[in-house]
Amino acid sequence: IAQNPKAYALWNHREWVVRRLASEAVNLRELDLCSKLLKLDERNFHCWGYRQIIARLAGRTAQEELDFTTAKINSNFSNYSAWHYRSSFLPKVLEVGGGGRDALVAALKDESELTQSAFFTDPEDQSSWLYQSWVLAQGCKQFVRVGATIWSNASGKQTLTLSFSNPTQGVCSDTVKVTSSGRDLPGVWEAPPFLRSATSVPPAAVAANRPSHIWHWNGELPTAGKVTVITQIPEQATAPPAEQSGRWGCDNTPTGVLCTAQGHCVASSSLDVDMAAGRAETDVEAWHYSTRASGGACADQAQLDLGTELKMVNELLEMEPECKWALLYKARVVTLMQSTSSSGNSPQREEVREIVGRLSSIDPQRRNYYNDLESSF
């Protein structure tokens, strides 16, 4: 490792050895080794990943590891590995400490103050901006557009397709029901590529954990009338199991939870679709797992004060008017302010378009990326 500190095989073999030694003294020695190596190369993500494993083996608390990242960040705001490591432990600290929504609000405020120190020190450094975008997502209500469409395939058979504006997983008969005349229709949801035969249908838990924009109904449908598509979150699924805490939006999504690939759980909704080639769509609230984990039921407002965030970024843009990271963050904040407003404020939409235009002008090599972001905003 001294000669080649970024060799995957060395770190994997060292982990294998340490696990089999199962020694507290060895674990403490390895933690010390990680600290020394991260002083030599603070962005060595192999070492950061190894430290997370050793910290767990050594019984380190989430708060202790969070404090470690604070020290590393204060010594260098540009240490993206430390910011990323921090995002792994902040939700765990909140869950262990309890305190509900008030604790979450206070923690997010503290994180914003930490990132602001980095913004005003070096506004062009991307590390703190990327982390702050993650912080923003933890406590803000989002909306996912859900659509249901009846169409005829090549053989003339009527087919039902469910679409989401964000790649969504957990789609199964527990989370999305199809009913007609008050009766639940039997069938399974499949993500493309559609499965060709009933014998090849995998267990529902496997199929449901494949994030996709599109889901196809492989089951019974009436020949006429209407069908109702119902998305729901069972009461027992409003908080993640302890062993999966902080992992919603990953491959091990708990059964009975409908959420986006970004970890936002989709609220209940109902769509009525006419069998005569009908379509229905609606905007459905979606909340990040940490909001539910810390407070249970969803609150009616964003956890972060979006007005304060907008004021901060505007102050920075007065000093650095062509800072692309600040403009991009402002677009996200303005979009969230619009999404949490019931009016769908048109001036805010125009403001986002104007910001995207400025970004395209400042950074023309990424023009298509910004245009794509505008459509997602």
Protein backbone atom coordinates (compact mmCIF):
# COMPACT_ATOMS: atom_id res chain seq x y z
CA ILE A 1 0.00 0.00 0.00
CA ALA A 2 2.92 2.35 0.68
CA GLN A 3 4.08 1.86 -2.91
CA ASN A 4 0.66 1.64 -4.58
CA PRO A 5 -2.03 3.14 -2.29
CA LYS A 6 -4.78 2.93 -4.94
CA ALA A 7 -4.64 -0.76 -5.84
CA TYR A 8 -8.05 -2.39 -5.37
CA ALA A 9 -6.61 -5.84 -4.75
CA LEU A 10 -4.41 -4.66 -1.86
CA TRP A 11 -7.27 -3.01 0.01
CA ASN A 12 -9.62 -5.95 -0.59
CA HIS A 13 -7.02 -8.42 0.66
CA ARG A 14 -6.25 -6.29 3.71
CA GLU A 15 -9.93 -6.19 4.60
CA TRP A 16 -10.12 -9.96 4.24
CA VAL A 17 -7.16 -10.39 6.64
CA VAL A 18 -8.48 -7.92 9.23
CA ARG A 19 -11.92 -9.52 9.31
CA ARG A 20 -10.37 -12.91 10.04
CA LEU A 21 -8.06 -11.59 12.74
CA ALA A 22 -11.12 -10.13 14.51
CA SER A 23 -8.92 -8.18 16.91
CA GLU A 24 -9.82 -4.89 18.60
CA ALA A 25 -6.15 -3.88 18.71
CA VAL A 26 -5.81 -4.56 14.97
CA ASN A 27 -8.92 -2.51 14.22
CA LEU A 28 -7.57 0.47 16.17
CA ARG A 29 -4.23 0.13 14.41
CA GLU A 30 -6.00 0.14 11.04
CA LEU A 31 -7.94 3.28 11.96
CA ASP A 32 -4.66 4.98 12.80
CA LEU A 33 -3.20 3.78 9.49
CA CYS A 34 -6.17 5.28 7.61
CA SER A 35 -5.69 8.62 9.38
CA LYS A 36 -2.02 8.69 8.39
CA LEU A 37 -2.69 7.74 4.78
CA LEU A 38 -5.44 10.35 4.46
CA LYS A 39 -2.96 12.99 5.60
CA LEU A 40 -0.70 11.96 2.72
CA ASP A 41 -3.54 11.79 0.18
CA GLU A 42 -6.83 13.11 1.51
CA ARG A 43 -8.70 12.14 -1.69
CA ASN A 44 -7.74 8.46 -1.70
CA PHE A 45 -11.25 7.03 -2.00
CA HIS A 46 -9.90 3.49 -1.51
CA CYS A 47 -8.74 4.50 1.95
CA TRP A 48 -12.00 6.30 2.72
CA GLY A 49 -13.98 3.20 1.80
CA TYR A 50 -11.67 1.00 3.86
CA ARG A 51 -12.00 3.35 6.84
CA GLN A 52 -15.79 3.02 6.74
CA ILE A 53 -15.43 -0.76 7.04
CA ILE A 54 -12.86 -0.55 9.84
CA ALA A 55 -14.89 2.08 11.72
CA ARG A 56 -17.79 -0.36 11.81
CA LEU A 57 -15.56 -3.24 12.96
CA ALA A 58 -14.00 -1.03 15.64
CA GLY A 59 -17.40 0.04 16.96
CA ARG A 60 -16.95 3.72 16.11
CA THR A 61 -20.13 5.74 16.46
CA ALA A 62 -21.62 7.67 13.55
CA GLN A 63 -21.02 10.91 15.49
CA GLU A 64 -17.31 10.12 15.88
CA GLU A 65 -16.94 9.56 12.15
CA LEU A 66 -18.95 12.71 11.42
CA ASP A 67 -16.56 14.66 13.66
CA PHE A 68 -13.63 13.14 11.74
CA THR A 69 -15.03 14.45 8.45
CA THR A 70 -15.58 17.89 10.01
CA ALA A 71 -11.89 18.09 10.87
CA LYS A 72 -10.87 16.98 7.37
CA ILE A 73 -13.24 19.46 5.71
CA ASN A 74 -12.10 22.35 7.89
CA SER A 75 -8.52 21.64 6.84
CA ASN A 76 -9.51 21.56 3.14
CA PHE A 77 -12.95 22.53 1.83
CA SER A 78 -12.06 20.97 -1.52
CA ASN A 79 -11.92 17.43 -0.12
CA TYR A 80 -14.88 15.88 -1.94
CA SER A 81 -14.14 12.44 -0.49
CA ALA A 82 -14.68 13.85 3.01
CA TRP A 83 -17.97 15.49 1.97
CA HIS A 84 -19.17 12.22 0.44
CA TYR A 85 -18.10 10.23 3.52
CA ARG A 86 -20.04 12.72 5.63
CA SER A 87 -23.25 12.01 3.72
CA SER A 88 -22.99 8.36 4.78
CA PHE A 89 -23.03 9.18 8.50
CA LEU A 90 -25.26 12.23 8.90
CA PRO A 91 -28.52 10.23 8.47
CA LYS A 92 -27.24 7.65 10.97
CA VAL A 93 -26.47 10.35 13.54
CA LEU A 94 -30.00 11.71 13.18
CA GLU A 95 -31.58 8.27 13.55
CA VAL A 96 -29.56 7.40 16.65
CA GLY A 97 -30.12 10.80 18.27
CA GLY A 98 -33.86 10.94 17.62
CA GLY A 99 -35.48 14.34 18.05
CA GLY A 100 -37.81 14.07 15.08
CA ARG A 101 -38.33 16.91 12.63
CA ASP A 102 -36.77 19.59 14.85
CA ALA A 103 -33.50 17.66 14.99
CA LEU A 104 -33.52 17.24 11.21
CA VAL A 105 -34.14 20.96 10.63
CA ALA A 106 -31.34 21.91 13.02
CA ALA A 107 -28.91 19.43 11.42
CA LEU A 108 -29.65 20.62 7.89
CA LYS A 109 -29.19 24.24 8.98
CA ASP A 110 -25.80 23.36 10.48
CA GLU A 111 -24.77 21.59 7.26
CA SER A 112 -25.79 24.62 5.20
CA GLU A 113 -23.70 26.90 7.40
CA LEU A 114 -20.72 24.59 6.93
CA THR A 115 -21.06 24.57 3.14
CA GLN A 116 -21.58 28.35 3.03
CA SER A 117 -18.16 28.82 4.62
CA ALA A 118 -16.76 26.81 1.72
CA PHE A 119 -18.81 28.70 -0.90
CA PHE A 120 -17.55 32.10 0.13
CA THR A 121 -13.97 30.84 0.50
CA ASP A 122 -13.75 29.28 -2.96
CA PRO A 123 -17.01 29.62 -4.93
CA GLU A 124 -15.63 27.77 -7.97
CA ASP A 125 -14.83 24.59 -6.06
CA GLN A 126 -17.46 21.98 -6.86
CA SER A 127 -17.09 19.74 -3.77
CA SER A 128 -19.17 21.79 -1.32
CA TRP A 129 -21.79 22.65 -3.99
CA LEU A 130 -22.38 18.98 -4.78
CA TYR A 131 -22.72 18.17 -1.09
CA GLN A 132 -25.12 21.07 -0.53
CA SER A 133 -27.30 19.79 -3.38
CA TRP A 134 -27.52 16.52 -1.45
CA VAL A 135 -28.39 18.41 1.76
CA LEU A 136 -31.10 20.31 -0.10
CA ALA A 137 -32.67 17.04 -1.23
CA GLN A 138 -32.82 15.59 2.29
CA GLY A 139 -35.55 17.80 3.63
CA CYS A 140 -37.44 19.20 0.67
CA LYS A 141 -40.71 18.01 -0.74
CA GLN A 142 -40.40 16.92 -4.36
CA PHE A 143 -43.00 16.03 -6.96
CA VAL A 144 -42.98 13.00 -9.24
CA ARG A 145 -45.23 13.02 -12.31
CA VAL A 146 -47.06 9.70 -12.58
CA GLY A 147 -48.95 8.73 -15.73
CA ALA A 148 -51.04 5.73 -16.74
CA THR A 149 -51.76 4.93 -20.40
CA ILE A 150 -53.92 2.34 -22.17
CA TRP A 151 -52.63 1.45 -25.65
CA SER A 152 -52.89 -1.35 -28.18
CA ASN A 153 -49.86 -3.49 -28.97
CA ALA A 154 -49.00 -5.00 -32.37
CA SER A 155 -51.48 -7.83 -31.92
CA GLY A 156 -54.29 -5.43 -31.02
CA LYS A 157 -54.31 -6.37 -27.34
CA GLN A 158 -54.95 -3.52 -24.90
CA THR A 159 -52.02 -2.85 -22.61
CA LEU A 160 -51.50 -0.69 -19.50
CA THR A 161 -48.26 1.24 -18.97
CA LEU A 162 -47.26 3.25 -15.91
CA SER A 163 -44.74 6.09 -16.34
CA PHE A 164 -42.73 8.13 -13.82
CA SER A 165 -40.80 11.37 -14.37
CA ASN A 166 -37.99 9.88 -12.26
CA PRO A 167 -36.69 6.29 -12.43
CA THR A 168 -38.77 4.51 -9.80
CA GLN A 169 -38.44 1.17 -8.05
CA GLY A 170 -40.50 -0.85 -5.61
CA VAL A 171 -43.31 -1.12 -8.19
CA CYS A 172 -45.25 -4.29 -7.33
CA SER A 173 -48.78 -5.35 -6.43
CA ASP A 174 -48.24 -4.10 -2.85
CA THR A 175 -47.41 -0.55 -3.88
CA VAL A 176 -49.33 -0.10 -7.15
CA LYS A 177 -52.73 -1.75 -7.47
CA VAL A 178 -54.87 -2.02 -10.58
CA THR A 179 -58.61 -2.18 -9.90
CA SER A 180 -61.81 -2.29 -11.94
CA SER A 181 -65.36 -2.06 -10.59
CA GLY A 182 -63.98 -2.22 -7.04
CA ARG A 183 -62.04 -5.45 -7.66
CA ASP A 184 -58.24 -5.84 -7.52
CA LEU A 185 -57.00 -7.24 -10.82
CA PRO A 186 -54.35 -10.00 -10.71
CA GLY A 187 -51.02 -9.41 -12.44
CA VAL A 188 -47.43 -8.23 -12.05
CA TRP A 189 -45.55 -5.06 -12.97
CA GLU A 190 -42.50 -5.45 -15.20
CA ALA A 191 -39.76 -3.00 -16.11
CA PRO A 192 -38.40 -3.07 -19.69
CA PRO A 193 -37.19 -5.19 -21.33
CA PHE A 194 -40.59 -6.83 -20.90
CA LEU A 195 -40.48 -10.47 -19.90
CA ARG A 196 -41.68 -12.78 -22.66
CA SER A 197 -43.42 -15.54 -20.77
CA ALA A 198 -45.14 -16.07 -17.46
CA THR A 199 -42.66 -18.81 -16.57
CA SER A 200 -39.79 -16.34 -16.67
CA VAL A 201 -41.33 -13.84 -14.23
CA PRO A 202 -38.88 -13.38 -11.34
CA PRO A 203 -39.94 -12.97 -7.71
CA ALA A 204 -41.79 -9.68 -7.19
CA ALA A 205 -39.08 -8.34 -4.89
CA VAL A 206 -36.45 -8.80 -7.62
CA ALA A 207 -38.52 -7.21 -10.38
CA ALA A 208 -39.61 -4.36 -8.13
CA ASN A 209 -36.05 -3.29 -7.35
CA ARG A 210 -35.14 -2.37 -10.92
CA PRO A 211 -35.46 1.45 -11.24
CA SER A 212 -37.27 2.43 -14.42
CA HIS A 213 -39.22 5.32 -15.92
CA ILE A 214 -41.67 2.83 -17.49
CA TRP A 215 -43.54 -0.13 -15.97
CA HIS A 216 -45.72 -2.54 -17.94
CA TRP A 217 -48.76 -4.34 -16.49
CA ASN A 218 -48.65 -8.07 -17.22
CA GLY A 219 -52.05 -9.11 -15.97
CA GLU A 220 -55.81 -8.96 -16.29
CA LEU A 221 -57.56 -5.95 -17.81
CA PRO A 222 -61.26 -5.41 -18.58
CA THR A 223 -62.32 -5.12 -22.22
CA ALA A 224 -64.24 -1.88 -21.61
CA GLY A 225 -64.92 0.73 -18.96
CA LYS A 226 -62.24 2.14 -16.71
CA VAL A 227 -59.38 0.91 -14.59
CA THR A 228 -57.99 2.67 -11.53
CA VAL A 229 -54.26 2.69 -10.81
CA ILE A 230 -53.52 3.30 -7.12
CA THR A 231 -50.07 4.06 -5.70
CA GLN A 232 -49.84 3.59 -1.96
CA ILE A 233 -47.39 3.41 0.94
CA PRO A 234 -48.46 0.87 3.56
CA GLU A 235 -48.26 2.16 7.14
CA GLN A 236 -45.62 -0.42 8.04
CA ALA A 237 -43.34 0.94 5.32
CA THR A 238 -43.19 4.60 6.43
CA ALA A 239 -39.76 4.09 8.03
CA PRO A 240 -36.89 1.88 6.79
CA PRO A 241 -35.89 -1.20 8.79
CA ALA A 242 -32.88 -0.65 11.08
CA GLU A 243 -30.57 -2.78 8.95
CA GLN A 244 -31.47 -0.73 5.86
CA SER A 245 -31.55 2.66 7.51
CA GLY A 246 -30.39 5.35 5.14
CA ARG A 247 -30.46 3.00 2.16
CA TRP A 248 -33.76 3.76 0.46
CA GLY A 249 -33.28 4.25 -3.22
CA CYS A 250 -30.75 1.41 -3.41
CA ASP A 251 -31.09 -2.19 -4.54
CA ASN A 252 -32.32 -3.29 -1.11
CA THR A 253 -35.42 -1.11 -1.08
CA PRO A 254 -37.73 -2.49 1.63
CA THR A 255 -40.75 -4.43 0.40
CA GLY A 256 -43.84 -2.25 0.18
CA VAL A 257 -42.01 1.01 -0.54
CA LEU A 258 -42.40 2.87 -3.83
CA CYS A 259 -39.52 5.30 -4.29
CA THR A 260 -37.37 6.98 -6.90
CA ALA A 261 -33.80 5.94 -7.60
CA GLN A 262 -32.76 9.10 -5.72
CA GLY A 263 -34.41 7.83 -2.53
CA HIS A 264 -37.65 9.86 -2.52
CA CYS A 265 -40.64 7.79 -1.45
CA VAL A 266 -43.76 8.42 -3.54
CA ALA A 267 -46.98 9.29 -1.74
CA SER A 268 -50.36 7.74 -2.42
CA SER A 269 -52.32 8.69 -5.53
CA SER A 270 -55.12 7.43 -7.74
CA LEU A 271 -55.50 7.55 -11.55
CA ASP A 272 -58.67 6.63 -13.47
CA VAL A 273 -57.96 5.52 -17.05
CA ASP A 274 -60.48 4.81 -19.79
CA MET A 275 -59.94 1.47 -21.55
CA ALA A 276 -60.63 3.20 -24.88
CA ALA A 277 -57.00 4.28 -25.31
CA GLY A 278 -57.15 6.66 -22.34
CA ARG A 279 -54.43 8.42 -20.40
CA ALA A 280 -54.29 10.11 -16.99
CA GLU A 281 -51.43 11.75 -15.12
CA THR A 282 -50.86 13.66 -11.90
CA ASP A 283 -48.09 15.19 -9.78
CA VAL A 284 -47.49 13.15 -6.63
CA GLU A 285 -45.58 14.29 -3.56
CA ALA A 286 -42.29 12.53 -2.85
CA TRP A 287 -40.18 12.81 0.27
CA HIS A 288 -36.62 11.70 0.95
CA TYR A 289 -36.16 8.72 3.27
CA SER A 290 -34.43 10.85 5.96
CA THR A 291 -37.58 12.98 6.37
CA ARG A 292 -39.61 9.88 7.13
CA ALA A 293 -36.90 8.25 9.22
CA SER A 294 -36.59 11.29 11.48
CA GLY A 295 -40.20 12.34 11.74
CA GLY A 296 -42.52 9.61 10.51
CA ALA A 297 -45.32 11.43 8.71
CA CYS A 298 -44.49 14.02 6.06
CA ALA A 299 -44.52 17.67 7.02
CA ASP A 300 -46.31 20.23 4.87
CA GLN A 301 -43.29 22.42 4.20
CA ALA A 302 -39.67 22.07 3.20
CA GLN A 303 -37.25 21.30 6.02
CA LEU A 304 -34.70 23.84 4.78
CA ASP A 305 -35.66 27.51 4.62
CA LEU A 306 -35.56 27.97 0.86
CA GLY A 307 -35.88 31.74 1.19
CA THR A 308 -32.67 31.81 3.27
CA GLU A 309 -30.91 29.59 0.72
CA LEU A 310 -31.98 31.88 -2.13
CA LYS A 311 -30.79 34.97 -0.26
CA MET A 312 -27.41 33.36 0.37
CA VAL A 313 -26.82 32.35 -3.24
CA ASN A 314 -27.96 35.75 -4.52
CA GLU A 315 -25.43 37.45 -2.22
CA LEU A 316 -22.71 35.23 -3.61
CA LEU A 317 -23.76 35.90 -7.20
CA GLU A 318 -23.48 39.65 -6.58
CA MET A 319 -19.77 39.06 -5.94
CA GLU A 320 -19.29 36.22 -8.43
CA PRO A 321 -21.96 36.72 -11.16
CA GLU A 322 -20.52 34.02 -13.45
CA CYS A 323 -20.07 31.27 -10.88
CA LYS A 324 -21.75 28.32 -12.63
CA TRP A 325 -22.09 26.28 -9.43
CA ALA A 326 -23.95 29.10 -7.69
CA LEU A 327 -26.25 29.55 -10.70
CA LEU A 328 -26.95 25.82 -10.84
CA TYR A 329 -27.77 25.73 -7.12
CA LYS A 330 -30.02 28.77 -7.50
CA ALA A 331 -31.94 26.98 -10.26
CA ARG A 332 -32.49 24.03 -7.93
CA VAL A 333 -33.68 26.26 -5.09
CA VAL A 334 -36.06 28.23 -7.33
CA THR A 335 -37.44 24.98 -8.74
CA LEU A 336 -38.09 23.63 -5.24
CA MET A 337 -39.78 26.89 -4.25
CA GLN A 338 -42.07 26.44 -7.23
CA SER A 339 -42.75 22.77 -6.46
CA THR A 340 -43.71 23.53 -2.85
CA SER A 341 -46.09 26.25 -4.04
CA SER A 342 -49.63 25.28 -5.00
CA SER A 343 -49.77 27.98 -7.67
CA GLY A 344 -47.09 26.62 -10.01
CA ASN A 345 -45.60 30.12 -10.21
CA SER A 346 -44.89 30.99 -13.86
CA PRO A 347 -42.34 33.77 -13.05
CA GLN A 348 -40.24 31.20 -11.21
CA ARG A 349 -40.28 28.97 -14.28
CA GLU A 350 -39.10 31.88 -16.39
CA GLU A 351 -36.34 32.56 -13.87
CA VAL A 352 -35.09 28.97 -14.20
CA ARG A 353 -35.05 29.32 -18.00
CA GLU A 354 -33.05 32.53 -17.67
CA ILE A 355 -30.54 30.84 -15.34
CA VAL A 356 -30.12 27.92 -17.75
CA GLY A 357 -29.51 30.40 -20.56
CA ARG A 358 -26.77 32.11 -18.53
CA LEU A 359 -25.20 28.75 -17.71
CA SER A 360 -25.15 27.79 -21.38
CA SER A 361 -23.43 31.05 -22.19
CA ILE A 362 -20.85 30.78 -19.39
CA ASP A 363 -20.15 27.07 -19.98
CA PRO A 364 -21.04 26.34 -23.64
CA GLN A 365 -19.32 22.93 -23.65
CA ARG A 366 -22.09 21.67 -21.33
CA ARG A 367 -24.96 23.45 -23.07
CA ASN A 368 -26.86 20.23 -23.77
CA TYR A 369 -26.45 19.14 -20.15
CA TYR A 370 -28.00 22.38 -18.91
CA ASN A 371 -30.85 22.12 -21.43
CA ASP A 372 -31.55 18.61 -20.20
CA LEU A 373 -31.54 19.86 -16.61
CA GLU A 374 -34.06 22.54 -17.52
CA SER A 375 -36.48 19.88 -18.74
CA SER A 376 -36.03 17.91 -15.52
CA PHE A 377 -36.50 21.08 -13.43
